[in-house]
Amino acid sequence: MADQLETDIIAKIKAHADPQAGEITPATELNALGIHSLELTEIIFDLEEAYGIEVEMNAAEAWSRLQNVGDIVESVRSLIAAKG
């Protein structure tokens, strides 16, 4: 069951995803959503602003580490916890 953080992050990702992508779940692969490096960078900026966190990675690292929606949710969750 999705918590509020997951729901909010999925909404932010959906704003950048291909409208034809359908339902987005934690298991949804980013490339299946039509999200490429520019969109991923914009999503990361949105998340940093929304949660007062800083994601330290370049685009190449982002693509290798963030394969699906759940990876983004867990990364944000850990950064929020570390900030706490």
N, C-alpha and C. Protein backbone atom coordinates (compact mmCIF):
# COMPACT_ATOMS: atom_id res chain seq x y z
N MET A 1 0.84 -1.19 0.00
CA MET A 1 0.00 0.00 0.00
C MET A 1 0.89 1.25 0.00
N ALA A 2 0.55 2.19 -0.84
CA ALA A 2 1.37 3.40 -0.99
C ALA A 2 1.17 4.34 0.20
N ASP A 3 2.26 4.94 0.63
CA ASP A 3 2.15 5.97 1.66
C ASP A 3 2.10 7.33 0.96
N GLN A 4 1.98 8.39 1.75
CA GLN A 4 1.82 9.72 1.16
C GLN A 4 3.04 10.14 0.36
N LEU A 5 4.24 9.83 0.84
CA LEU A 5 5.46 10.20 0.13
C LEU A 5 5.47 9.55 -1.25
N GLU A 6 5.19 8.26 -1.29
CA GLU A 6 5.17 7.53 -2.57
C GLU A 6 4.13 8.13 -3.51
N THR A 7 2.94 8.41 -2.99
CA THR A 7 1.87 8.98 -3.80
C THR A 7 2.28 10.33 -4.37
N ASP A 8 2.91 11.18 -3.55
CA ASP A 8 3.34 12.51 -4.00
C ASP A 8 4.43 12.41 -5.07
N ILE A 9 5.38 11.51 -4.86
CA ILE A 9 6.47 11.36 -5.83
C ILE A 9 5.94 10.83 -7.15
N ILE A 10 5.03 9.86 -7.10
CA ILE A 10 4.44 9.34 -8.33
C ILE A 10 3.71 10.45 -9.08
N ALA A 11 3.04 11.34 -8.37
CA ALA A 11 2.35 12.46 -9.02
C ALA A 11 3.35 13.38 -9.72
N LYS A 12 4.50 13.63 -9.08
CA LYS A 12 5.52 14.49 -9.69
C LYS A 12 6.11 13.81 -10.93
N ILE A 13 6.34 12.51 -10.84
CA ILE A 13 6.88 11.77 -11.99
C ILE A 13 5.86 11.76 -13.13
N LYS A 14 4.60 11.57 -12.80
CA LYS A 14 3.54 11.51 -13.81
C LYS A 14 3.48 12.81 -14.61
N ALA A 15 3.78 13.93 -13.97
CA ALA A 15 3.76 15.22 -14.65
C ALA A 15 4.80 15.27 -15.77
N HIS A 16 5.85 14.46 -15.68
CA HIS A 16 6.91 14.45 -16.69
C HIS A 16 6.83 13.24 -17.61
N ALA A 17 5.95 12.30 -17.31
CA ALA A 17 5.88 11.05 -18.06
C ALA A 17 5.05 11.20 -19.33
N ASP A 18 5.24 10.27 -20.23
CA ASP A 18 4.44 10.18 -21.44
C ASP A 18 2.98 9.98 -21.03
N PRO A 19 2.07 10.82 -21.52
CA PRO A 19 0.66 10.70 -21.13
C PRO A 19 0.06 9.33 -21.45
N GLN A 20 0.63 8.62 -22.39
CA GLN A 20 0.14 7.30 -22.78
C GLN A 20 0.68 6.18 -21.89
N ALA A 21 1.49 6.53 -20.89
CA ALA A 21 2.19 5.53 -20.08
C ALA A 21 1.28 4.65 -19.23
N GLY A 22 0.11 5.15 -18.89
CA GLY A 22 -0.80 4.35 -18.06
C GLY A 22 -0.48 4.49 -16.58
N GLU A 23 -0.90 3.50 -15.81
CA GLU A 23 -0.72 3.55 -14.35
C GLU A 23 0.76 3.48 -13.98
N ILE A 24 1.14 4.29 -13.00
CA ILE A 24 2.52 4.31 -12.53
C ILE A 24 2.56 3.70 -11.14
N THR A 25 3.41 2.69 -10.96
CA THR A 25 3.59 2.03 -9.67
C THR A 25 5.08 2.06 -9.34
N PRO A 26 5.46 1.66 -8.11
CA PRO A 26 6.89 1.63 -7.78
C PRO A 26 7.71 0.73 -8.71
N ALA A 27 7.10 -0.28 -9.29
CA ALA A 27 7.83 -1.20 -10.18
C ALA A 27 7.96 -0.68 -11.61
N THR A 28 7.28 0.44 -11.91
CA THR A 28 7.31 0.97 -13.28
C THR A 28 8.72 1.45 -13.62
N GLU A 29 9.25 0.95 -14.74
CA GLU A 29 10.58 1.37 -15.21
C GLU A 29 10.48 2.79 -15.77
N LEU A 30 11.51 3.60 -15.48
CA LEU A 30 11.50 4.99 -15.94
C LEU A 30 11.47 5.07 -17.46
N ASN A 31 12.23 4.20 -18.15
CA ASN A 31 12.24 4.28 -19.61
C ASN A 31 10.89 3.90 -20.21
N ALA A 32 10.08 3.13 -19.50
CA ALA A 32 8.74 2.79 -19.98
C ALA A 32 7.81 4.01 -19.94
N LEU A 33 8.20 5.02 -19.16
CA LEU A 33 7.40 6.23 -19.02
C LEU A 33 7.83 7.31 -20.01
N GLY A 34 8.85 7.00 -20.82
CA GLY A 34 9.36 7.99 -21.76
C GLY A 34 10.17 9.07 -21.07
N ILE A 35 10.70 8.75 -19.88
CA ILE A 35 11.50 9.72 -19.13
C ILE A 35 12.96 9.56 -19.51
N HIS A 36 13.52 10.64 -20.02
CA HIS A 36 14.92 10.64 -20.43
C HIS A 36 15.70 11.56 -19.50
N SER A 37 16.97 11.75 -19.77
CA SER A 37 17.83 12.47 -18.82
C SER A 37 17.32 13.86 -18.45
N LEU A 38 16.81 14.62 -19.40
CA LEU A 38 16.32 15.96 -19.08
C LEU A 38 15.13 15.90 -18.14
N GLU A 39 14.19 15.01 -18.42
CA GLU A 39 13.03 14.87 -17.55
C GLU A 39 13.45 14.38 -16.16
N LEU A 40 14.39 13.44 -16.13
CA LEU A 40 14.86 12.93 -14.83
C LEU A 40 15.49 14.06 -14.03
N THR A 41 16.27 14.90 -14.68
CA THR A 41 16.88 16.05 -14.00
C THR A 41 15.80 16.98 -13.45
N GLU A 42 14.77 17.23 -14.24
CA GLU A 42 13.67 18.10 -13.78
C GLU A 42 12.93 17.47 -12.59
N ILE A 43 12.72 16.15 -12.65
CA ILE A 43 12.05 15.46 -11.54
C ILE A 43 12.90 15.58 -10.27
N ILE A 44 14.21 15.37 -10.41
CA ILE A 44 15.11 15.48 -9.25
C ILE A 44 15.06 16.89 -8.67
N PHE A 45 15.07 17.92 -9.52
CA PHE A 45 14.97 19.30 -9.03
C PHE A 45 13.65 19.52 -8.30
N ASP A 46 12.55 19.00 -8.86
CA ASP A 46 11.23 19.13 -8.21
C ASP A 46 11.25 18.50 -6.82
N LEU A 47 11.84 17.31 -6.72
CA LEU A 47 11.89 16.59 -5.45
C LEU A 47 12.78 17.31 -4.44
N GLU A 48 13.91 17.83 -4.91
CA GLU A 48 14.80 18.57 -4.00
C GLU A 48 14.07 19.78 -3.42
N GLU A 49 13.36 20.50 -4.27
CA GLU A 49 12.63 21.68 -3.82
C GLU A 49 11.49 21.31 -2.88
N ALA A 50 10.75 20.27 -3.23
CA ALA A 50 9.58 19.88 -2.44
C ALA A 50 9.95 19.37 -1.05
N TYR A 51 11.08 18.68 -0.94
CA TYR A 51 11.42 18.03 0.33
C TYR A 51 12.64 18.61 1.02
N GLY A 52 13.21 19.69 0.47
CA GLY A 52 14.37 20.34 1.09
C GLY A 52 15.57 19.41 1.19
N ILE A 53 15.77 18.60 0.14
CA ILE A 53 16.89 17.66 0.13
C ILE A 53 17.83 18.02 -1.02
N GLU A 54 19.01 17.41 -1.03
CA GLU A 54 19.93 17.61 -2.12
C GLU A 54 20.37 16.25 -2.64
N VAL A 55 20.10 16.02 -3.91
CA VAL A 55 20.48 14.76 -4.54
C VAL A 55 21.83 14.98 -5.22
N GLU A 56 22.85 14.30 -4.71
CA GLU A 56 24.20 14.47 -5.25
C GLU A 56 24.48 13.40 -6.29
N MET A 57 24.20 13.69 -7.54
CA MET A 57 24.56 12.74 -8.60
C MET A 57 24.46 13.44 -9.94
N ASN A 58 25.30 13.02 -10.87
CA ASN A 58 25.17 13.57 -12.22
C ASN A 58 24.20 12.71 -13.01
N ALA A 59 23.87 13.12 -14.21
CA ALA A 59 22.85 12.42 -14.99
C ALA A 59 23.22 10.97 -15.28
N ALA A 60 24.48 10.70 -15.55
CA ALA A 60 24.90 9.33 -15.85
C ALA A 60 24.70 8.44 -14.62
N GLU A 61 25.09 8.93 -13.45
CA GLU A 61 24.87 8.17 -12.22
C GLU A 61 23.39 7.98 -11.97
N ALA A 62 22.61 9.02 -12.21
CA ALA A 62 21.17 8.95 -11.97
C ALA A 62 20.56 7.82 -12.79
N TRP A 63 20.94 7.71 -14.05
CA TRP A 63 20.37 6.67 -14.89
C TRP A 63 20.80 5.29 -14.45
N SER A 64 22.04 5.15 -13.97
CA SER A 64 22.48 3.82 -13.57
C SER A 64 21.88 3.40 -12.24
N ARG A 65 21.57 4.37 -11.36
CA ARG A 65 21.06 4.04 -10.03
C ARG A 65 19.55 4.07 -9.92
N LEU A 66 18.90 4.86 -10.75
CA LEU A 66 17.45 5.00 -10.66
C LEU A 66 16.80 4.36 -11.88
N GLN A 67 16.41 3.11 -11.73
CA GLN A 67 15.83 2.38 -12.84
C GLN A 67 14.31 2.42 -12.87
N ASN A 68 13.70 2.47 -11.67
CA ASN A 68 12.23 2.47 -11.63
C ASN A 68 11.73 3.49 -10.62
N VAL A 69 10.44 3.65 -10.57
CA VAL A 69 9.82 4.64 -9.68
C VAL A 69 10.15 4.35 -8.21
N GLY A 70 10.16 3.07 -7.83
CA GLY A 70 10.47 2.70 -6.45
C GLY A 70 11.88 3.13 -6.04
N ASP A 71 12.84 3.10 -6.99
CA ASP A 71 14.21 3.56 -6.69
C ASP A 71 14.20 5.04 -6.31
N ILE A 72 13.41 5.83 -7.03
CA ILE A 72 13.33 7.26 -6.72
C ILE A 72 12.69 7.46 -5.34
N VAL A 73 11.60 6.75 -5.07
CA VAL A 73 10.91 6.88 -3.78
C VAL A 73 11.87 6.54 -2.64
N GLU A 74 12.59 5.43 -2.76
CA GLU A 74 13.50 5.01 -1.68
C GLU A 74 14.67 5.97 -1.52
N SER A 75 15.18 6.51 -2.62
CA SER A 75 16.27 7.49 -2.54
C SER A 75 15.82 8.74 -1.80
N VAL A 76 14.64 9.24 -2.14
CA VAL A 76 14.11 10.43 -1.48
C VAL A 76 13.85 10.13 0.00
N ARG A 77 13.28 8.97 0.28
CA ARG A 77 12.99 8.58 1.67
C ARG A 77 14.29 8.57 2.50
N SER A 78 15.38 8.01 1.93
CA SER A 78 16.64 7.97 2.70
C SER A 78 17.22 9.36 2.90
N LEU A 79 17.10 10.22 1.89
CA LEU A 79 17.64 11.59 2.04
C LEU A 79 16.84 12.37 3.08
N ILE A 80 15.54 12.18 3.11
CA ILE A 80 14.72 12.85 4.12
C ILE A 80 15.09 12.34 5.51
N ALA A 81 15.27 11.03 5.66
CA ALA A 81 15.64 10.44 6.96
C ALA A 81 17.01 10.94 7.41
N ALA A 82 17.94 11.06 6.48
CA ALA A 82 19.30 11.51 6.82
C ALA A 82 19.29 12.97 7.26
N LYS A 83 18.37 13.74 6.67
CA LYS A 83 18.25 15.16 7.00
C LYS A 83 17.67 15.34 8.39
N GLY A 84 16.73 14.41 8.75
CA GLY A 84 15.94 14.48 9.97
C GLY A 84 16.70 14.77 11.19
